[in-house]
């Protein structure tokens, strides 16, 4: 399970997650985190806020995608 305080890069490195589905979710939010240098030092919550999205909404979508 992903958490808001998890670094984006660590979320993608979590064992067993569907990286492609997670990347698609973030792309749908207008974020292309896999190619962004900030993904190494920004949490899911910080990224959501910086891009004007609700962190809880983004986290829910990411957790659903991670299981896909």
PDB file of N, CA and C in Angstrom:
ATOM      1  N   UNK A   1       0.834  -1.181   0.000  1.00  0.00           N
ATOM      2  CA  UNK A   1       0.000   0.000   0.000  1.00  0.00           C
ATOM      3  C   UNK A   1       0.880   1.246   0.000  1.00  0.00           C
ATOM      4  N   UNK A   2       0.570   2.150  -0.925  1.00  0.00           N
ATOM      5  CA  UNK A   2       1.309   3.396  -1.025  1.00  0.00           C
ATOM      6  C   UNK A   2       0.761   4.400  -0.008  1.00  0.00           C
ATOM      7  N   UNK A   3       1.637   5.302   0.443  1.00  0.00           N
ATOM      8  CA  UNK A   3       1.230   6.325   1.405  1.00  0.00           C
ATOM      9  C   UNK A   3       1.611   7.702   0.876  1.00  0.00           C
ATOM     10  N   UNK A   4       0.945   8.746   1.399  1.00  0.00           N
ATOM     11  CA  UNK A   4       1.197  10.113   0.941  1.00  0.00           C
ATOM     12  C   UNK A   4       2.620  10.572   1.213  1.00  0.00           C
ATOM     13  N   UNK A   5       3.241  10.040   2.262  1.00  0.00           N
ATOM     14  CA  UNK A   5       4.582  10.487   2.620  1.00  0.00           C
ATOM     15  C   UNK A   5       5.691   9.706   1.912  1.00  0.00           C
ATOM     16  N   UNK A   6       5.295   8.821   0.998  1.00  0.00           N
ATOM     17  CA  UNK A   6       6.252   8.022   0.236  1.00  0.00           C
ATOM     18  C   UNK A   6       6.811   8.845  -0.923  1.00  0.00           C
ATOM     19  N   UNK A   7       8.118   8.773  -1.125  1.00  0.00           N
ATOM     20  CA  UNK A   7       8.708   9.430  -2.285  1.00  0.00           C
ATOM     21  C   UNK A   7       8.149   8.792  -3.548  1.00  0.00           C
ATOM     22  N   UNK A   8       7.921   9.600  -4.567  1.00  0.00           N
ATOM     23  CA  UNK A   8       7.388   9.079  -5.822  1.00  0.00           C
ATOM     24  C   UNK A   8       8.241   7.944  -6.370  1.00  0.00           C
ATOM     25  N   UNK A   9       9.544   8.131  -6.363  1.00  0.00           N
ATOM     26  CA  UNK A   9      10.438   7.112  -6.916  1.00  0.00           C
ATOM     27  C   UNK A   9      10.322   5.806  -6.135  1.00  0.00           C
ATOM     28  N   UNK A  10      10.133   5.905  -4.814  1.00  0.00           N
ATOM     29  CA  UNK A  10       9.985   4.705  -3.993  1.00  0.00           C
ATOM     30  C   UNK A  10       8.657   4.005  -4.265  1.00  0.00           C
ATOM     31  N   UNK A  11       7.621   4.772  -4.572  1.00  0.00           N
ATOM     32  CA  UNK A  11       6.327   4.172  -4.910  1.00  0.00           C
ATOM     33  C   UNK A  11       6.476   3.285  -6.142  1.00  0.00           C
ATOM     34  N   UNK A  12       7.233   3.772  -7.131  1.00  0.00           N
ATOM     35  CA  UNK A  12       7.428   2.994  -8.348  1.00  0.00           C
ATOM     36  C   UNK A  12       8.351   1.799  -8.140  1.00  0.00           C
ATOM     37  N   UNK A  13       9.159   1.839  -7.092  1.00  0.00           N
ATOM     38  CA  UNK A  13      10.077   0.735  -6.800  1.00  0.00           C
ATOM     39  C   UNK A  13       9.474  -0.300  -5.850  1.00  0.00           C
ATOM     40  N   UNK A  14       8.250  -0.064  -5.388  1.00  0.00           N
ATOM     41  CA  UNK A  14       7.600  -0.982  -4.458  1.00  0.00           C
ATOM     42  C   UNK A  14       7.372  -2.324  -5.147  1.00  0.00           C
ATOM     43  N   UNK A  15       7.758  -3.388  -4.474  1.00  0.00           N
ATOM     44  CA  UNK A  15       7.652  -4.727  -5.060  1.00  0.00           C
ATOM     45  C   UNK A  15       6.198  -5.083  -5.365  1.00  0.00           C
ATOM     46  N   UNK A  16       5.981  -5.583  -6.559  1.00  0.00           N
ATOM     47  CA  UNK A  16       4.682  -6.096  -6.946  1.00  0.00           C
ATOM     48  C   UNK A  16       3.690  -5.084  -7.487  1.00  0.00           C
ATOM     49  N   UNK A  17       4.079  -3.795  -7.576  1.00  0.00           N
ATOM     50  CA  UNK A  17       3.131  -2.804  -8.100  1.00  0.00           C
ATOM     51  C   UNK A  17       3.133  -2.805  -9.624  1.00  0.00           C
ATOM     52  N   UNK A  18       2.040  -2.359 -10.190  1.00  0.00           N
ATOM     53  CA  UNK A  18       1.894  -2.252 -11.636  1.00  0.00           C
ATOM     54  C   UNK A  18       2.385  -0.863 -12.052  1.00  0.00           C
ATOM     55  N   UNK A  19       3.654  -0.777 -12.392  1.00  0.00           N
ATOM     56  CA  UNK A  19       4.292   0.501 -12.715  1.00  0.00           C
ATOM     57  C   UNK A  19       3.620   1.173 -13.907  1.00  0.00           C
ATOM     58  N   UNK A  20       3.269   0.390 -14.911  1.00  0.00           N
ATOM     59  CA  UNK A  20       2.642   0.962 -16.109  1.00  0.00           C
ATOM     60  C   UNK A  20       1.308   1.610 -15.778  1.00  0.00           C
ATOM     61  N   UNK A  21       0.494   0.937 -14.974  1.00  0.00           N
ATOM     62  CA  UNK A  21      -0.814   1.479 -14.590  1.00  0.00           C
ATOM     63  C   UNK A  21      -0.644   2.722 -13.722  1.00  0.00           C
ATOM     64  N   UNK A  22       0.347   2.720 -12.833  1.00  0.00           N
ATOM     65  CA  UNK A  22       0.597   3.889 -11.991  1.00  0.00           C
ATOM     66  C   UNK A  22       1.048   5.072 -12.839  1.00  0.00           C
ATOM     67  N   UNK A  23       1.918   4.826 -13.803  1.00  0.00           N
ATOM     68  CA  UNK A  23       2.390   5.891 -14.686  1.00  0.00           C
ATOM     69  C   UNK A  23       1.229   6.470 -15.490  1.00  0.00           C
ATOM     70  N   UNK A  24       0.314   5.601 -15.904  1.00  0.00           N
ATOM     71  CA  UNK A  24      -0.862   6.059 -16.650  1.00  0.00           C
ATOM     72  C   UNK A  24      -1.743   6.955 -15.780  1.00  0.00           C
ATOM     73  N   UNK A  25      -1.937   6.571 -14.523  1.00  0.00           N
ATOM     74  CA  UNK A  25      -2.731   7.383 -13.595  1.00  0.00           C
ATOM     75  C   UNK A  25      -2.106   8.767 -13.449  1.00  0.00           C
ATOM     76  N   UNK A  26      -0.809   8.798 -13.228  1.00  0.00           N
ATOM     77  CA  UNK A  26      -0.154  10.099 -13.063  1.00  0.00           C
ATOM     78  C   UNK A  26      -0.230  10.908 -14.353  1.00  0.00           C
ATOM     79  N   UNK A  27      -0.117  10.254 -15.484  1.00  0.00           N
ATOM     80  CA  UNK A  27      -0.260  10.936 -16.765  1.00  0.00           C
ATOM     81  C   UNK A  27      -1.641  11.536 -16.910  1.00  0.00           C
ATOM     82  N   UNK A  28      -2.649  10.829 -16.427  1.00  0.00           N
ATOM     83  CA  UNK A  28      -4.013  11.347 -16.463  1.00  0.00           C
ATOM     84  C   UNK A  28      -4.179  12.578 -15.570  1.00  0.00           C
ATOM     85  N   UNK A  29      -3.325  12.693 -14.566  1.00  0.00           N
ATOM     86  CA  UNK A  29      -3.306  13.873 -13.711  1.00  0.00           C
ATOM     87  C   UNK A  29      -2.428  14.976 -14.321  1.00  0.00           C
ATOM     88  N   UNK A  30      -1.866  14.709 -15.486  1.00  0.00           N
ATOM     89  CA  UNK A  30      -0.998  15.690 -16.138  1.00  0.00           C
ATOM     90  C   UNK A  30       0.423  15.677 -15.622  1.00  0.00           C
ATOM     91  N   UNK A  31       0.784  14.589 -14.963  1.00  0.00           N
ATOM     92  CA  UNK A  31       2.113  14.471 -14.367  1.00  0.00           C
ATOM     93  C   UNK A  31       2.868  13.330 -15.048  1.00  0.00           C
ATOM     94  N   UNK A  32       4.118  13.580 -15.345  1.00  0.00           N
ATOM     95  CA  UNK A  32       4.961  12.572 -15.995  1.00  0.00           C
ATOM     96  C   UNK A  32       6.165  12.305 -15.093  1.00  0.00           C
ATOM     97  N   UNK A  33       5.863  11.721 -13.961  1.00  0.00           N
ATOM     98  CA  UNK A  33       6.822  11.606 -12.859  1.00  0.00           C
ATOM     99  C   UNK A  33       8.034  10.732 -13.147  1.00  0.00           C
ATOM    100  N   UNK A  34       7.865   9.715 -13.955  1.00  0.00           N
ATOM    101  CA  UNK A  34       8.996   8.822 -14.184  1.00  0.00           C
ATOM    102  C   UNK A  34      10.168   9.539 -14.830  1.00  0.00           C
ATOM    103  N   UNK A  35       9.917  10.591 -15.587  1.00  0.00           N
ATOM    104  CA  UNK A  35      10.986  11.332 -16.234  1.00  0.00           C
ATOM    105  C   UNK A  35      11.387  12.593 -15.499  1.00  0.00           C
ATOM    106  N   UNK A  36      10.805  12.819 -14.337  1.00  0.00           N
ATOM    107  CA  UNK A  36      11.039  14.062 -13.594  1.00  0.00           C
ATOM    108  C   UNK A  36      12.075  13.856 -12.489  1.00  0.00           C
ATOM    109  N   UNK A  37      13.053  14.734 -12.455  1.00  0.00           N
ATOM    110  CA  UNK A  37      14.095  14.642 -11.425  1.00  0.00           C
ATOM    111  C   UNK A  37      13.526  14.824 -10.024  1.00  0.00           C
ATOM    112  N   UNK A  38      12.429  15.565  -9.892  1.00  0.00           N
ATOM    113  CA  UNK A  38      11.837  15.785  -8.569  1.00  0.00           C
ATOM    114  C   UNK A  38      11.235  14.515  -7.977  1.00  0.00           C
ATOM    115  N   UNK A  39      10.975  13.514  -8.802  1.00  0.00           N
ATOM    116  CA  UNK A  39      10.386  12.278  -8.281  1.00  0.00           C
ATOM    117  C   UNK A  39      11.310  11.591  -7.280  1.00  0.00           C
ATOM    118  N   UNK A  40      12.574  11.948  -7.295  1.00  0.00           N
ATOM    119  CA  UNK A  40      13.537  11.350  -6.364  1.00  0.00           C
ATOM    120  C   UNK A  40      13.521  12.018  -4.994  1.00  0.00           C
ATOM    121  N   UNK A  41      12.906  13.205  -4.885  1.00  0.00           N
ATOM    122  CA  UNK A  41      12.923  13.897  -3.605  1.00  0.00           C
ATOM    123  C   UNK A  41      11.586  14.475  -3.204  1.00  0.00           C
ATOM    124  N   UNK A  42      10.520  14.114  -3.924  1.00  0.00           N
ATOM    125  CA  UNK A  42       9.199  14.666  -3.652  1.00  0.00           C
ATOM    126  C   UNK A  42       8.247  13.529  -3.285  1.00  0.00           C
ATOM    127  N   UNK A  43       7.455  13.760  -2.251  1.00  0.00           N
ATOM    128  CA  UNK A  43       6.487  12.749  -1.850  1.00  0.00           C
ATOM    129  C   UNK A  43       5.261  12.811  -2.765  1.00  0.00           C
ATOM    130  N   UNK A  44       4.448  11.784  -2.671  1.00  0.00           N
ATOM    131  CA  UNK A  44       3.203  11.765  -3.432  1.00  0.00           C
ATOM    132  C   UNK A  44       2.364  12.979  -3.057  1.00  0.00           C
ATOM    133  N   UNK A  45       2.283  13.272  -1.782  1.00  0.00           N
ATOM    134  CA  UNK A  45       1.494  14.424  -1.318  1.00  0.00           C
ATOM    135  C   UNK A  45       2.060  15.740  -1.855  1.00  0.00           C
ATOM    136  N   UNK A  46       3.360  15.925  -1.773  1.00  0.00           N
ATOM    137  CA  UNK A  46       3.978  17.155  -2.267  1.00  0.00           C
ATOM    138  C   UNK A  46       3.755  17.333  -3.764  1.00  0.00           C
ATOM    139  N   UNK A  47       3.869  16.253  -4.508  1.00  0.00           N
ATOM    140  CA  UNK A  47       3.673  16.316  -5.958  1.00  0.00           C
ATOM    141  C   UNK A  47       2.235  16.683  -6.288  1.00  0.00           C
ATOM    142  N   UNK A  48       1.297  16.070  -5.591  1.00  0.00           N
ATOM    143  CA  UNK A  48      -0.119  16.362  -5.829  1.00  0.00           C
ATOM    144  C   UNK A  48      -0.407  17.841  -5.561  1.00  0.00           C
ATOM    145  N   UNK A  49       0.050  18.330  -4.432  1.00  0.00           N
ATOM    146  CA  UNK A  49      -0.188  19.728  -4.068  1.00  0.00           C
ATOM    147  C   UNK A  49       0.485  20.670  -5.058  1.00  0.00           C
ATOM    148  N   UNK A  50       1.719  20.371  -5.443  1.00  0.00           N
ATOM    149  CA  UNK A  50       2.462  21.225  -6.373  1.00  0.00           C
ATOM    150  C   UNK A  50       1.756  21.341  -7.726  1.00  0.00           C
ATOM    151  N   UNK A  51       1.017  20.278  -8.090  1.00  0.00           N
ATOM    152  CA  UNK A  51       0.319  20.273  -9.375  1.00  0.00           C
ATOM    153  C   UNK A  51      -1.160  20.625  -9.231  1.00  0.00           C
ATOM    154  N   UNK A  52      -1.575  20.998  -8.018  1.00  0.00           N
ATOM    155  CA  UNK A  52      -2.943  21.455  -7.794  1.00  0.00           C
ATOM    156  C   UNK A  52      -3.982  20.359  -7.653  1.00  0.00           C
ATOM    157  N   UNK A  53      -3.557  19.162  -7.221  1.00  0.00           N
ATOM    158  CA  UNK A  53      -4.488  18.046  -7.065  1.00  0.00           C
ATOM    159  C   UNK A  53      -4.648  17.677  -5.598  1.00  0.00           C
ATOM    160  N   UNK A  54      -5.755  17.050  -5.297  1.00  0.00           N
ATOM    161  CA  UNK A  54      -6.032  16.565  -3.955  1.00  0.00           C
ATOM    162  C   UNK A  54      -5.156  15.331  -3.702  1.00  0.00           C
ATOM    163  N   UNK A  55      -4.296  15.382  -2.693  1.00  0.00           N
ATOM    164  CA  UNK A  55      -3.398  14.245  -2.414  1.00  0.00           C
ATOM    165  C   UNK A  55      -4.144  12.944  -2.133  1.00  0.00           C
ATOM    166  N   UNK A  56      -5.272  13.024  -1.438  1.00  0.00           N
ATOM    167  CA  UNK A  56      -6.027  11.814  -1.120  1.00  0.00           C
ATOM    168  C   UNK A  56      -6.618  11.182  -2.376  1.00  0.00           C
ATOM    169  N   UNK A  57      -7.105  12.020  -3.292  1.00  0.00           N
ATOM    170  CA  UNK A  57      -7.662  11.523  -4.550  1.00  0.00           C
ATOM    171  C   UNK A  57      -6.580  10.846  -5.388  1.00  0.00           C
ATOM    172  N   UNK A  58      -5.411  11.494  -5.470  1.00  0.00           N
ATOM    173  CA  UNK A  58      -4.312  10.922  -6.235  1.00  0.00           C
ATOM    174  C   UNK A  58      -3.825   9.621  -5.603  1.00  0.00           C
ATOM    175  N   UNK A  59      -3.709   9.605  -4.295  1.00  0.00           N
ATOM    176  CA  UNK A  59      -3.242   8.407  -3.596  1.00  0.00           C
ATOM    177  C   UNK A  59      -4.202   7.239  -3.820  1.00  0.00           C
ATOM    178  N   UNK A  60      -5.494   7.512  -3.744  1.00  0.00           N
ATOM    179  CA  UNK A  60      -6.493   6.457  -3.982  1.00  0.00           C
ATOM    180  C   UNK A  60      -6.331   5.884  -5.389  1.00  0.00           C
ATOM    181  N   UNK A  61      -6.192   6.757  -6.370  1.00  0.00           N
ATOM    182  CA  UNK A  61      -6.039   6.313  -7.767  1.00  0.00           C
ATOM    183  C   UNK A  61      -4.751   5.520  -7.947  1.00  0.00           C
ATOM    184  N   UNK A  62      -3.668   5.966  -7.314  1.00  0.00           N
ATOM    185  CA  UNK A  62      -2.395   5.251  -7.425  1.00  0.00           C
ATOM    186  C   UNK A  62      -2.459   3.872  -6.780  1.00  0.00           C
ATOM    187  N   UNK A  63      -3.088   3.786  -5.618  1.00  0.00           N
ATOM    188  CA  UNK A  63      -3.201   2.489  -4.944  1.00  0.00           C
ATOM    189  C   UNK A  63      -4.047   1.522  -5.748  1.00  0.00           C
ATOM    190  N   UNK A  64      -5.108   2.015  -6.382  1.00  0.00           N
ATOM    191  CA  UNK A  64      -5.931   1.144  -7.231  1.00  0.00           C
ATOM    192  C   UNK A  64      -5.111   0.661  -8.438  1.00  0.00           C
ATOM    193  N   UNK A  65      -4.353   1.567  -9.043  1.00  0.00           N
ATOM    194  CA  UNK A  65      -3.533   1.208 -10.202  1.00  0.00           C
ATOM    195  C   UNK A  65      -2.412   0.249  -9.799  1.00  0.00           C
ATOM    196  N   UNK A  66      -1.847   0.443  -8.629  1.00  0.00           N
ATOM    197  CA  UNK A  66      -0.737  -0.406  -8.184  1.00  0.00           C
ATOM    198  C   UNK A  66      -1.162  -1.869  -8.099  1.00  0.00           C
ATOM    199  N   UNK A  67      -2.426  -2.110  -7.811  1.00  0.00           N
ATOM    200  CA  UNK A  67      -2.948  -3.480  -7.672  1.00  0.00           C
ATOM    201  C   UNK A  67      -3.369  -4.080  -8.996  1.00  0.00           C
ATOM    202  N   UNK A  68      -3.526  -3.245 -10.016  1.00  0.00           N
ATOM    203  CA  UNK A  68      -4.064  -3.717 -11.310  1.00  0.00           C
ATOM    204  C   UNK A  68      -3.148  -4.717 -11.978  1.00  0.00           C
TER     205      UNK A  68
END
